[in-house]
C-alpha cells in the first residue's frame, strides 16, 4: 500500500510541475490595440428635444406609480420568484437528500442518483415544452378568433 501511495504522490507531483510549467509559458497580454484600432467614430453631438407641457402625461405617470405600489405589496411564496442563491440552496438541499438516500449502496447508489438526476432534467424539459406549447396554442386560438370576428364584422 505504501509503495502505491508513494508512486501516486510522484505522479501527482510530476503533473503539478508540468501544469505550472505550461502556466508560466502562457502569454499574459493580448495583442489587440486599445479601442479596437480601425474604427473611428464621428463627432458626438447632442440635440435637445423641446419640452412638452401636457398635463395628461403627468396624470398617467401618477396613475402608474400608484398601481405599481399596490402590486408590490403582495407576498410571494418561498419557491416562487427568481434569485440565484435561492436556486442554489434548493438544488443543494435536493442533492443532499438524494445523496443521503443512496449513500450506503456503493456504485449502484451512484447509478441510481444519476438516473434520478436525468429524470429530473427530463421532467424539467417536458414542463418547459408544455408551457411553450400552451402559449403557442393560445396564440393560435386568439388569432383564429380575431380572424373570425373580423370576417363577421366585414359581412
N, C-alpha and C. Protein backbone atom coordinates (compact mmCIF):
# COMPACT_ATOMS: atom_id res chain seq x y z
N UNK A 1 0.83 -1.19 0.00
CA UNK A 1 0.00 0.00 0.00
C UNK A 1 0.87 1.25 0.00
N UNK A 2 1.94 1.26 0.80
CA UNK A 2 2.82 2.43 0.86
C UNK A 2 3.53 2.66 -0.47
N UNK A 3 3.89 1.59 -1.16
CA UNK A 3 4.56 1.72 -2.45
C UNK A 3 3.61 2.37 -3.45
N UNK A 4 2.38 1.94 -3.42
CA UNK A 4 1.38 2.51 -4.33
C UNK A 4 1.12 3.99 -4.01
N UNK A 5 1.09 4.29 -2.72
CA UNK A 5 0.84 5.66 -2.30
C UNK A 5 2.01 6.57 -2.71
N UNK A 6 3.23 6.07 -2.60
CA UNK A 6 4.41 6.86 -2.99
C UNK A 6 4.42 7.11 -4.49
N UNK A 7 4.05 6.10 -5.28
CA UNK A 7 4.03 6.31 -6.73
C UNK A 7 2.94 7.31 -7.12
N UNK A 8 1.81 7.26 -6.42
CA UNK A 8 0.75 8.23 -6.70
C UNK A 8 1.22 9.65 -6.37
N UNK A 9 1.94 9.82 -5.27
CA UNK A 9 2.46 11.14 -4.92
C UNK A 9 3.44 11.63 -5.98
N UNK A 10 4.29 10.73 -6.48
CA UNK A 10 5.25 11.12 -7.51
C UNK A 10 4.55 11.52 -8.80
N UNK A 11 3.55 10.75 -9.20
CA UNK A 11 2.81 11.07 -10.42
C UNK A 11 2.09 12.41 -10.27
N UNK A 12 1.48 12.64 -9.12
CA UNK A 12 0.79 13.90 -8.87
C UNK A 12 1.77 15.07 -8.88
N UNK A 13 2.94 14.87 -8.29
CA UNK A 13 3.96 15.93 -8.28
C UNK A 13 4.41 16.25 -9.69
N UNK A 14 4.59 15.25 -10.52
CA UNK A 14 5.00 15.47 -11.90
C UNK A 14 3.91 16.22 -12.67
N UNK A 15 2.64 15.82 -12.48
CA UNK A 15 1.54 16.51 -13.17
C UNK A 15 1.42 17.97 -12.75
N UNK A 16 1.60 18.25 -11.46
CA UNK A 16 1.55 19.64 -10.98
C UNK A 16 2.71 20.43 -11.57
N UNK A 17 3.90 19.84 -11.64
CA UNK A 17 5.06 20.53 -12.20
C UNK A 17 4.85 20.85 -13.68
N UNK A 18 4.29 19.90 -14.44
CA UNK A 18 4.02 20.13 -15.86
C UNK A 18 2.98 21.24 -16.02
N UNK A 19 1.94 21.21 -15.19
CA UNK A 19 0.90 22.24 -15.25
C UNK A 19 1.49 23.62 -14.96
N UNK A 20 2.29 23.73 -13.92
CA UNK A 20 2.91 25.02 -13.59
C UNK A 20 3.85 25.49 -14.69
N UNK A 21 4.55 24.56 -15.33
CA UNK A 21 5.44 24.91 -16.44
C UNK A 21 4.65 25.53 -17.60
N UNK A 22 3.52 24.92 -17.97
CA UNK A 22 2.72 25.46 -19.06
C UNK A 22 2.03 26.76 -18.69
N UNK A 23 1.66 26.91 -17.42
CA UNK A 23 1.05 28.16 -16.97
C UNK A 23 2.06 29.29 -17.07
N UNK A 24 3.30 29.03 -16.75
CA UNK A 24 4.34 30.06 -16.81
C UNK A 24 4.64 30.46 -18.25
N UNK A 25 4.41 29.57 -19.21
CA UNK A 25 4.72 29.87 -20.61
C UNK A 25 3.60 30.60 -21.34
N UNK A 26 2.42 30.64 -20.78
CA UNK A 26 1.31 31.29 -21.48
C UNK A 26 1.49 32.79 -21.51
N UNK A 27 1.12 33.43 -22.61
CA UNK A 27 1.26 34.89 -22.68
C UNK A 27 0.29 35.58 -21.73
N UNK A 28 0.75 36.67 -21.15
CA UNK A 28 -0.09 37.35 -20.18
C UNK A 28 -0.67 38.65 -20.71
N UNK A 29 -0.53 38.92 -22.00
CA UNK A 29 -1.12 40.13 -22.56
C UNK A 29 -1.69 39.81 -23.93
N UNK A 30 -2.67 40.60 -24.32
CA UNK A 30 -3.29 40.42 -25.62
C UNK A 30 -2.61 41.33 -26.64
N UNK A 31 -2.69 40.94 -27.91
CA UNK A 31 -2.06 41.72 -28.96
C UNK A 31 -3.02 42.71 -29.59
N UNK A 32 -4.10 43.03 -28.95
CA UNK A 32 -5.08 43.95 -29.51
C UNK A 32 -4.79 45.37 -29.02
N UNK A 33 -5.09 46.35 -29.90
CA UNK A 33 -4.92 47.74 -29.51
C UNK A 33 -6.13 48.22 -28.73
N UNK A 34 -5.90 49.20 -27.90
CA UNK A 34 -6.99 49.75 -27.10
C UNK A 34 -7.94 50.50 -28.01
N UNK A 35 -9.24 50.28 -27.85
CA UNK A 35 -10.23 50.97 -28.66
C UNK A 35 -10.54 50.25 -29.96
N UNK A 36 -9.92 49.14 -30.24
CA UNK A 36 -10.25 48.36 -31.41
C UNK A 36 -9.41 48.68 -32.63
N UNK A 37 -8.72 49.80 -32.68
CA UNK A 37 -7.83 50.10 -33.79
C UNK A 37 -8.49 50.75 -34.98
N UNK A 38 -9.17 50.00 -35.84
CA UNK A 38 -9.62 50.51 -37.12
C UNK A 38 -10.89 51.34 -37.11
N UNK A 39 -11.68 51.31 -36.09
CA UNK A 39 -12.96 52.00 -36.10
C UNK A 39 -12.81 53.40 -35.54
N UNK A 40 -13.26 54.39 -36.32
CA UNK A 40 -13.24 55.79 -35.87
C UNK A 40 -14.67 56.30 -35.89
N UNK A 41 -15.14 56.76 -34.75
CA UNK A 41 -16.49 57.29 -34.71
C UNK A 41 -16.47 58.77 -35.06
N UNK A 42 -17.61 59.28 -35.51
CA UNK A 42 -17.71 60.68 -35.86
C UNK A 42 -17.79 61.57 -34.63
N UNK A 43 -17.98 62.90 -34.90
CA UNK A 43 -18.11 63.83 -33.79
C UNK A 43 -19.41 63.56 -33.04
N UNK A 44 -19.33 63.63 -31.75
CA UNK A 44 -20.51 63.37 -30.94
C UNK A 44 -21.21 64.69 -30.66
N UNK A 45 -22.47 64.78 -31.05
CA UNK A 45 -23.25 65.99 -30.80
C UNK A 45 -24.51 65.60 -30.04
N UNK A 46 -25.07 66.59 -29.37
CA UNK A 46 -26.28 66.36 -28.60
C UNK A 46 -27.31 67.40 -29.00
N UNK A 47 -28.47 66.95 -29.44
CA UNK A 47 -29.56 67.86 -29.77
C UNK A 47 -30.66 67.66 -28.74
N UNK A 48 -30.98 68.74 -28.03
CA UNK A 48 -32.02 68.62 -27.01
C UNK A 48 -33.39 68.69 -27.67
N UNK A 49 -34.32 67.90 -27.17
CA UNK A 49 -35.67 67.90 -27.71
C UNK A 49 -36.51 68.93 -26.96
N UNK A 50 -37.45 69.56 -27.64
CA UNK A 50 -38.26 70.56 -26.95
C UNK A 50 -39.18 69.91 -25.91
N UNK A 51 -39.44 70.66 -24.83
CA UNK A 51 -40.28 70.14 -23.76
C UNK A 51 -41.74 70.25 -24.13
N UNK A 52 -42.52 69.25 -23.74
CA UNK A 52 -43.96 69.28 -23.99
C UNK A 52 -44.66 69.56 -22.67
N UNK A 53 -45.56 70.51 -22.67
CA UNK A 53 -46.34 70.82 -21.48
C UNK A 53 -47.71 70.17 -21.62
N UNK A 54 -47.77 68.90 -21.30
CA UNK A 54 -49.01 68.17 -21.45
C UNK A 54 -49.39 67.60 -20.09
N UNK A 55 -50.54 67.99 -19.57
CA UNK A 55 -50.94 67.55 -18.24
C UNK A 55 -51.39 66.10 -18.24
N UNK A 56 -51.78 65.56 -19.40
CA UNK A 56 -52.21 64.16 -19.45
C UNK A 56 -51.06 63.22 -19.10
N UNK A 57 -49.85 63.55 -19.54
CA UNK A 57 -48.70 62.70 -19.25
C UNK A 57 -48.44 62.65 -17.76
N UNK A 58 -48.60 63.77 -17.07
CA UNK A 58 -48.36 63.80 -15.63
C UNK A 58 -49.39 62.93 -14.92
N UNK A 59 -50.64 63.01 -15.34
CA UNK A 59 -51.67 62.21 -14.70
C UNK A 59 -51.45 60.73 -14.95
N UNK A 60 -51.04 60.36 -16.16
CA UNK A 60 -50.80 58.96 -16.46
C UNK A 60 -49.63 58.43 -15.64
N UNK A 61 -48.57 59.20 -15.49
CA UNK A 61 -47.43 58.71 -14.71
C UNK A 61 -47.82 58.57 -13.25
N UNK A 62 -48.66 59.46 -12.72
CA UNK A 62 -49.10 59.33 -11.33
C UNK A 62 -49.95 58.08 -11.15
N UNK A 63 -50.81 57.78 -12.11
CA UNK A 63 -51.63 56.58 -12.01
C UNK A 63 -50.78 55.32 -12.05
N UNK A 64 -49.76 55.31 -12.89
CA UNK A 64 -48.89 54.15 -12.99
C UNK A 64 -48.14 53.92 -11.69
N UNK A 65 -47.64 54.98 -11.08
CA UNK A 65 -46.88 54.80 -9.85
C UNK A 65 -47.78 54.29 -8.73
N UNK A 66 -49.04 54.73 -8.70
CA UNK A 66 -49.95 54.24 -7.68
C UNK A 66 -50.27 52.76 -7.88
N UNK A 67 -50.42 52.33 -9.12
CA UNK A 67 -50.74 50.93 -9.39
C UNK A 67 -49.57 50.02 -9.03
N UNK A 68 -48.35 50.42 -9.36
CA UNK A 68 -47.20 49.56 -9.09
C UNK A 68 -46.96 49.44 -7.60
N UNK A 69 -47.24 50.47 -6.83
CA UNK A 69 -47.06 50.40 -5.39
C UNK A 69 -48.00 49.37 -4.77
N UNK A 70 -49.21 49.29 -5.27
CA UNK A 70 -50.16 48.31 -4.74
C UNK A 70 -49.78 46.90 -5.16
N UNK A 71 -49.21 46.75 -6.33
CA UNK A 71 -48.86 45.41 -6.82
C UNK A 71 -47.66 44.84 -6.07
N UNK A 72 -46.76 45.70 -5.60
CA UNK A 72 -45.55 45.21 -4.95
C UNK A 72 -45.78 44.76 -3.52
N UNK A 73 -46.93 45.06 -2.94
CA UNK A 73 -47.17 44.70 -1.55
C UNK A 73 -47.61 43.25 -1.38
N UNK A 74 -47.92 42.54 -2.47
CA UNK A 74 -48.35 41.15 -2.34
C UNK A 74 -47.17 40.28 -1.95
N UNK A 75 -47.43 39.30 -1.09
CA UNK A 75 -46.36 38.40 -0.65
C UNK A 75 -46.32 37.18 -1.55
N UNK A 76 -45.09 36.76 -1.86
CA UNK A 76 -44.91 35.59 -2.71
C UNK A 76 -44.49 34.40 -1.86
N UNK A 77 -44.71 33.23 -2.41
CA UNK A 77 -44.33 32.01 -1.70
C UNK A 77 -42.84 31.79 -1.70
N UNK A 78 -42.39 30.78 -1.00
CA UNK A 78 -40.96 30.52 -0.86
C UNK A 78 -40.32 30.09 -2.18
N UNK A 79 -40.99 29.22 -2.93
CA UNK A 79 -40.41 28.69 -4.16
C UNK A 79 -40.66 29.59 -5.36
N UNK A 80 -41.51 30.62 -5.23
CA UNK A 80 -41.79 31.48 -6.37
C UNK A 80 -40.72 32.56 -6.45
N UNK A 81 -40.57 33.13 -7.63
CA UNK A 81 -39.60 34.20 -7.82
C UNK A 81 -38.25 33.64 -8.20
N UNK A 82 -37.36 34.55 -8.54
CA UNK A 82 -36.04 34.15 -9.00
C UNK A 82 -35.02 34.21 -7.89
N UNK A 83 -33.81 34.39 -8.28
CA UNK A 83 -32.72 34.50 -7.32
C UNK A 83 -31.78 33.33 -7.43
N UNK A 84 -30.52 33.64 -7.67
CA UNK A 84 -29.51 32.61 -7.84
C UNK A 84 -29.28 31.84 -6.54
N UNK A 85 -29.17 32.58 -5.44
CA UNK A 85 -28.87 31.91 -4.17
C UNK A 85 -30.01 30.98 -3.73
N UNK A 86 -31.24 31.38 -4.00
CA UNK A 86 -32.37 30.53 -3.64
C UNK A 86 -32.34 29.25 -4.46
N UNK A 87 -32.04 29.37 -5.75
CA UNK A 87 -31.94 28.18 -6.60
C UNK A 87 -30.81 27.26 -6.18
N UNK A 88 -29.67 27.86 -5.83
CA UNK A 88 -28.55 27.03 -5.38
C UNK A 88 -28.87 26.33 -4.07
N UNK A 89 -29.57 27.03 -3.17
CA UNK A 89 -29.92 26.42 -1.89
C UNK A 89 -30.89 25.25 -2.08
N UNK A 90 -31.92 25.46 -2.90
CA UNK A 90 -32.90 24.39 -3.12
C UNK A 90 -32.25 23.22 -3.84
N UNK A 91 -31.41 23.50 -4.83
CA UNK A 91 -30.71 22.43 -5.53
C UNK A 91 -29.76 21.68 -4.62
N UNK A 92 -29.07 22.40 -3.74
CA UNK A 92 -28.16 21.74 -2.80
C UNK A 92 -28.90 20.87 -1.81
N UNK A 93 -30.05 21.35 -1.33
CA UNK A 93 -30.84 20.52 -0.41
C UNK A 93 -31.34 19.26 -1.10
N UNK A 94 -31.78 19.40 -2.35
CA UNK A 94 -32.24 18.22 -3.09
C UNK A 94 -31.08 17.25 -3.30
N UNK A 95 -29.90 17.78 -3.61
CA UNK A 95 -28.74 16.91 -3.79
C UNK A 95 -28.36 16.18 -2.51
N UNK A 96 -28.45 16.89 -1.37
CA UNK A 96 -28.16 16.22 -0.10
C UNK A 96 -29.16 15.12 0.20
N UNK A 97 -30.43 15.39 -0.07
CA UNK A 97 -31.46 14.38 0.19
C UNK A 97 -31.25 13.15 -0.68
N UNK A 98 -31.03 13.36 -1.98
CA UNK A 98 -30.83 12.22 -2.87
C UNK A 98 -29.52 11.52 -2.59
N UNK A 99 -28.49 12.29 -2.24
CA UNK A 99 -27.20 11.67 -1.93
C UNK A 99 -27.27 10.81 -0.68
N UNK A 100 -27.99 11.29 0.34
CA UNK A 100 -28.12 10.51 1.56
C UNK A 100 -29.00 9.29 1.38
N UNK A 101 -29.92 9.35 0.43
CA UNK A 101 -30.84 8.24 0.22
C UNK A 101 -30.11 7.02 -0.34
N UNK A 102 -29.12 7.26 -1.21
CA UNK A 102 -28.40 6.16 -1.85
C UNK A 102 -26.97 6.03 -1.35
N UNK A 103 -26.67 6.53 -0.15
CA UNK A 103 -25.29 6.60 0.32
C UNK A 103 -24.67 5.23 0.58
N UNK A 104 -25.42 4.30 1.13
CA UNK A 104 -24.82 3.02 1.52
C UNK A 104 -24.83 1.96 0.43
N UNK A 105 -25.17 2.35 -0.80
CA UNK A 105 -25.32 1.34 -1.86
C UNK A 105 -24.08 1.18 -2.74
N UNK A 106 -23.08 2.00 -2.54
CA UNK A 106 -21.87 1.90 -3.35
C UNK A 106 -22.10 2.38 -4.77
N UNK A 107 -21.59 1.61 -5.74
CA UNK A 107 -21.69 2.00 -7.15
C UNK A 107 -23.14 2.07 -7.62
N UNK A 108 -23.96 1.17 -7.11
CA UNK A 108 -25.37 1.16 -7.50
C UNK A 108 -26.07 2.45 -7.06
N UNK A 109 -25.66 2.98 -5.91
CA UNK A 109 -26.21 4.25 -5.44
C UNK A 109 -25.87 5.40 -6.37
N UNK A 110 -24.64 5.40 -6.90
CA UNK A 110 -24.24 6.43 -7.86
C UNK A 110 -25.07 6.34 -9.13
N UNK A 111 -25.30 5.13 -9.60
CA UNK A 111 -26.11 4.94 -10.81
C UNK A 111 -27.54 5.41 -10.56
N UNK A 112 -28.09 5.06 -9.38
CA UNK A 112 -29.46 5.47 -9.06
C UNK A 112 -29.55 7.00 -8.95
N UNK A 113 -28.55 7.64 -8.35
CA UNK A 113 -28.52 9.10 -8.27
C UNK A 113 -28.46 9.73 -9.65
N UNK A 114 -27.65 9.16 -10.54
CA UNK A 114 -27.58 9.66 -11.92
C UNK A 114 -28.93 9.52 -12.61
N UNK A 115 -29.59 8.38 -12.42
CA UNK A 115 -30.89 8.18 -13.05
C UNK A 115 -31.92 9.19 -12.53
N UNK A 116 -31.91 9.46 -11.24
CA UNK A 116 -32.85 10.44 -10.68
C UNK A 116 -32.57 11.83 -11.24
N UNK A 117 -31.28 12.18 -11.35
CA UNK A 117 -30.94 13.49 -11.93
C UNK A 117 -31.37 13.59 -13.38
N UNK A 118 -31.17 12.51 -14.15
CA UNK A 118 -31.58 12.52 -15.55
C UNK A 118 -33.10 12.62 -15.67
N UNK A 119 -33.82 11.93 -14.80
CA UNK A 119 -35.29 12.01 -14.83
C UNK A 119 -35.75 13.41 -14.46
N UNK A 120 -35.07 14.05 -13.49
CA UNK A 120 -35.44 15.41 -13.09
C UNK A 120 -35.20 16.39 -14.24
N UNK A 121 -34.08 16.25 -14.93
CA UNK A 121 -33.79 17.13 -16.08
C UNK A 121 -34.81 16.89 -17.19
N UNK A 122 -35.14 15.63 -17.46
CA UNK A 122 -36.13 15.32 -18.48
C UNK A 122 -37.49 15.93 -18.12
N UNK A 123 -37.89 15.81 -16.84
CA UNK A 123 -39.17 16.37 -16.41
C UNK A 123 -39.18 17.88 -16.55
N UNK A 124 -38.06 18.53 -16.23
CA UNK A 124 -37.97 19.98 -16.37
C UNK A 124 -38.11 20.40 -17.83
N UNK A 125 -37.46 19.67 -18.73
CA UNK A 125 -37.56 19.97 -20.16
C UNK A 125 -38.99 19.76 -20.64
N UNK A 126 -39.64 18.70 -20.18
CA UNK A 126 -41.03 18.44 -20.59
C UNK A 126 -41.98 19.54 -20.10
N UNK A 127 -41.75 20.04 -18.88
CA UNK A 127 -42.59 21.14 -18.36
C UNK A 127 -42.41 22.39 -19.20
N UNK A 128 -41.15 22.72 -19.54
CA UNK A 128 -40.89 23.90 -20.36
C UNK A 128 -41.53 23.74 -21.74
N UNK A 129 -41.42 22.55 -22.33
CA UNK A 129 -42.04 22.31 -23.64
C UNK A 129 -43.55 22.42 -23.57
N UNK A 130 -44.16 21.94 -22.47
CA UNK A 130 -45.61 22.03 -22.31
C UNK A 130 -46.06 23.49 -22.20
N UNK A 131 -45.29 24.30 -21.48
CA UNK A 131 -45.63 25.73 -21.34
C UNK A 131 -45.53 26.42 -22.69
N UNK A 132 -44.46 26.14 -23.43
CA UNK A 132 -44.29 26.76 -24.75
C UNK A 132 -45.42 26.33 -25.68
N UNK A 133 -45.79 25.04 -25.64
CA UNK A 133 -46.87 24.55 -26.48
C UNK A 133 -48.20 25.20 -26.11
N UNK A 134 -48.46 25.38 -24.82
CA UNK A 134 -49.71 26.00 -24.38
C UNK A 134 -49.79 27.46 -24.82
N UNK A 135 -48.69 28.18 -24.71
CA UNK A 135 -48.67 29.59 -25.16
C UNK A 135 -48.88 29.67 -26.66
N UNK A 136 -48.24 28.76 -27.39
CA UNK A 136 -48.38 28.75 -28.85
C UNK A 136 -49.83 28.44 -29.25
N UNK A 137 -50.44 27.46 -28.60
CA UNK A 137 -51.83 27.12 -28.92
C UNK A 137 -52.77 28.26 -28.57
N UNK A 138 -52.53 28.92 -27.45
CA UNK A 138 -53.39 30.04 -27.06
C UNK A 138 -53.30 31.17 -28.07
N UNK A 139 -52.08 31.44 -28.57
CA UNK A 139 -51.92 32.49 -29.59
C UNK A 139 -52.66 32.12 -30.86
N UNK A 140 -52.55 30.85 -31.27
CA UNK A 140 -53.25 30.42 -32.49
C UNK A 140 -54.76 30.53 -32.31
N UNK A 141 -55.28 30.16 -31.15
CA UNK A 141 -56.71 30.28 -30.91
C UNK A 141 -57.15 31.73 -30.91
N UNK A 142 -56.36 32.61 -30.33
CA UNK A 142 -56.69 34.04 -30.33
C UNK A 142 -56.68 34.60 -31.75
N UNK A 143 -55.70 34.17 -32.55
CA UNK A 143 -55.64 34.64 -33.94
C UNK A 143 -56.85 34.14 -34.72
N UNK A 144 -57.24 32.88 -34.52
CA UNK A 144 -58.42 32.34 -35.22
C UNK A 144 -59.68 33.10 -34.81
N UNK A 145 -59.81 33.37 -33.51
CA UNK A 145 -60.98 34.09 -33.01
C UNK A 145 -61.01 35.50 -33.58
N UNK A 146 -59.84 36.17 -33.62
CA UNK A 146 -59.79 37.52 -34.18
C UNK A 146 -60.12 37.51 -35.66
N UNK A 147 -59.62 36.51 -36.38
CA UNK A 147 -59.93 36.41 -37.81
C UNK A 147 -61.42 36.16 -38.02
N UNK A 148 -62.02 35.31 -37.19
CA UNK A 148 -63.46 35.06 -37.30
C UNK A 148 -64.26 36.31 -36.98
N UNK A 149 -63.86 37.06 -35.97
CA UNK A 149 -64.54 38.30 -35.62
C UNK A 149 -64.41 39.33 -36.73
N UNK A 150 -63.25 39.42 -37.35
CA UNK A 150 -63.06 40.36 -38.46
C UNK A 150 -63.91 39.97 -39.67
N UNK A 151 -63.97 38.66 -39.94
CA UNK A 151 -64.78 38.20 -41.05
C UNK A 151 -66.26 38.47 -40.80
N UNK A 152 -66.73 38.27 -39.58
CA UNK A 152 -68.13 38.51 -39.26
C UNK A 152 -68.46 40.00 -39.30
N UNK A 153 -67.55 40.85 -38.91
CA UNK A 153 -67.77 42.29 -38.91
C UNK A 153 -67.80 42.85 -40.34
N UNK A 154 -67.06 42.22 -41.24
CA UNK A 154 -66.99 42.71 -42.63
C UNK A 154 -68.24 42.36 -43.42
N UNK A 155 -69.06 41.43 -42.97
CA UNK A 155 -70.23 40.98 -43.73
C UNK A 155 -71.35 41.91 -43.64
